[in-house]
Amino acid sequence: MSLPKGNFVTYEEYEEMKKSSEHLMEYIDGVVYMSPSPSPDHQRTSMKLSLVLGNLLE
């Protein structure tokens, strides 16, 4: 399903789009944006940061 270009959609339309798509999407002020997947480097860095912060909290 293609996303509308420059057209505002209702929240209900957005919910229907989410049901029929496997893509990550965000709804902001009536506009639907495709959310990019995080890169492997980003995921690795995020995991390392989580481990460090978790160890500090113990």
C-alpha atoms as a PDB file:
ATOM      1  CA  MET A   1       0.000   0.000   0.000  1.00  0.00           C
ATOM      2  CA  SER A   2       1.411   3.390  -0.893  1.00  0.00           C
ATOM      3  CA  LEU A   3       1.305   6.293   1.496  1.00  0.00           C
ATOM      4  CA  PRO A   4      -0.411   9.538   0.538  1.00  0.00           C
ATOM      5  CA  LYS A   5       2.010  12.262  -0.535  1.00  0.00           C
ATOM      6  CA  GLY A   6       1.221  15.568   1.124  1.00  0.00           C
ATOM      7  CA  ASN A   7      -2.330  14.527   1.957  1.00  0.00           C
ATOM      8  CA  PHE A   8      -3.578  14.606   5.493  1.00  0.00           C
ATOM      9  CA  VAL A   9      -5.144  11.408   6.783  1.00  0.00           C
ATOM     10  CA  THR A  10      -7.345  10.787   9.776  1.00  0.00           C
ATOM     11  CA  TYR A  11      -6.144   8.664  12.652  1.00  0.00           C
ATOM     12  CA  GLU A  12      -8.671   6.008  11.638  1.00  0.00           C
ATOM     13  CA  GLU A  13      -7.206   5.904   8.107  1.00  0.00           C
ATOM     14  CA  TYR A  14      -3.734   5.586   9.629  1.00  0.00           C
ATOM     15  CA  GLU A  15      -4.863   2.637  11.762  1.00  0.00           C
ATOM     16  CA  GLU A  16      -6.222   0.913   8.636  1.00  0.00           C
ATOM     17  CA  MET A  17      -2.944   1.542   6.812  1.00  0.00           C
ATOM     18  CA  LYS A  18      -1.004  -0.018   9.703  1.00  0.00           C
ATOM     19  CA  LYS A  19      -3.178  -3.147   9.601  1.00  0.00           C
ATOM     20  CA  SER A  20      -2.497  -3.728   5.912  1.00  0.00           C
ATOM     21  CA  SER A  21       1.239  -2.933   5.930  1.00  0.00           C
ATOM     22  CA  GLU A  22       4.352  -4.535   7.383  1.00  0.00           C
ATOM     23  CA  HIS A  23       6.244  -1.210   7.343  1.00  0.00           C
ATOM     24  CA  LEU A  24       6.911   0.816  10.465  1.00  0.00           C
ATOM     25  CA  MET A  25       4.916   4.032  10.301  1.00  0.00           C
ATOM     26  CA  GLU A  26       4.402   7.097  12.458  1.00  0.00           C
ATOM     27  CA  TYR A  27       1.411   9.419  12.520  1.00  0.00           C
ATOM     28  CA  ILE A  28       2.302  13.059  13.232  1.00  0.00           C
ATOM     29  CA  ASP A  29      -0.173  15.917  12.821  1.00  0.00           C
ATOM     30  CA  GLY A  30      -2.193  14.154  10.147  1.00  0.00           C
ATOM     31  CA  VAL A  31       0.805  13.031   8.095  1.00  0.00           C
ATOM     32  CA  VAL A  32       2.054   9.439   7.896  1.00  0.00           C
ATOM     33  CA  TYR A  33       5.830   8.955   7.897  1.00  0.00           C
ATOM     34  CA  MET A  34       7.749   5.767   7.176  1.00  0.00           C
ATOM     35  CA  SER A  35      10.071   4.863  10.066  1.00  0.00           C
ATOM     36  CA  PRO A  36      13.445   3.529   8.964  1.00  0.00           C
ATOM     37  CA  SER A  37      14.814   0.396  10.587  1.00  0.00           C
ATOM     38  CA  PRO A  38      17.790   0.957  12.873  1.00  0.00           C
ATOM     39  CA  SER A  39      21.201   0.021  11.517  1.00  0.00           C
ATOM     40  CA  PRO A  40      23.187  -2.878  13.013  1.00  0.00           C
ATOM     41  CA  ASP A  41      25.721  -0.365  14.412  1.00  0.00           C
ATOM     42  CA  HIS A  42      22.922   1.524  16.135  1.00  0.00           C
ATOM     43  CA  GLN A  43      21.536  -1.682  17.637  1.00  0.00           C
ATOM     44  CA  ARG A  44      24.986  -2.766  18.883  1.00  0.00           C
ATOM     45  CA  THR A  45      25.651   0.633  20.462  1.00  0.00           C
ATOM     46  CA  SER A  46      22.206   0.673  22.063  1.00  0.00           C
ATOM     47  CA  MET A  47      22.744  -2.777  23.572  1.00  0.00           C
ATOM     48  CA  LYS A  48      26.186  -1.862  24.956  1.00  0.00           C
ATOM     49  CA  LEU A  49      24.777   1.312  26.498  1.00  0.00           C
ATOM     50  CA  SER A  50      21.930  -0.665  28.086  1.00  0.00           C
ATOM     51  CA  LEU A  51      24.398  -3.118  29.612  1.00  0.00           C
ATOM     52  CA  VAL A  52      26.606  -0.340  31.028  1.00  0.00           C
ATOM     53  CA  LEU A  53      23.647   1.550  32.507  1.00  0.00           C
ATOM     54  CA  GLY A  54      22.156  -1.668  33.898  1.00  0.00           C
ATOM     55  CA  ASN A  55      25.427  -2.548  35.622  1.00  0.00           C
ATOM     56  CA  LEU A  56      25.683   0.966  37.108  1.00  0.00           C
ATOM     57  CA  LEU A  57      22.180   0.735  38.553  1.00  0.00           C
ATOM     58  CA  GLU A  58      22.936  -2.520  40.347  1.00  0.00           C
END
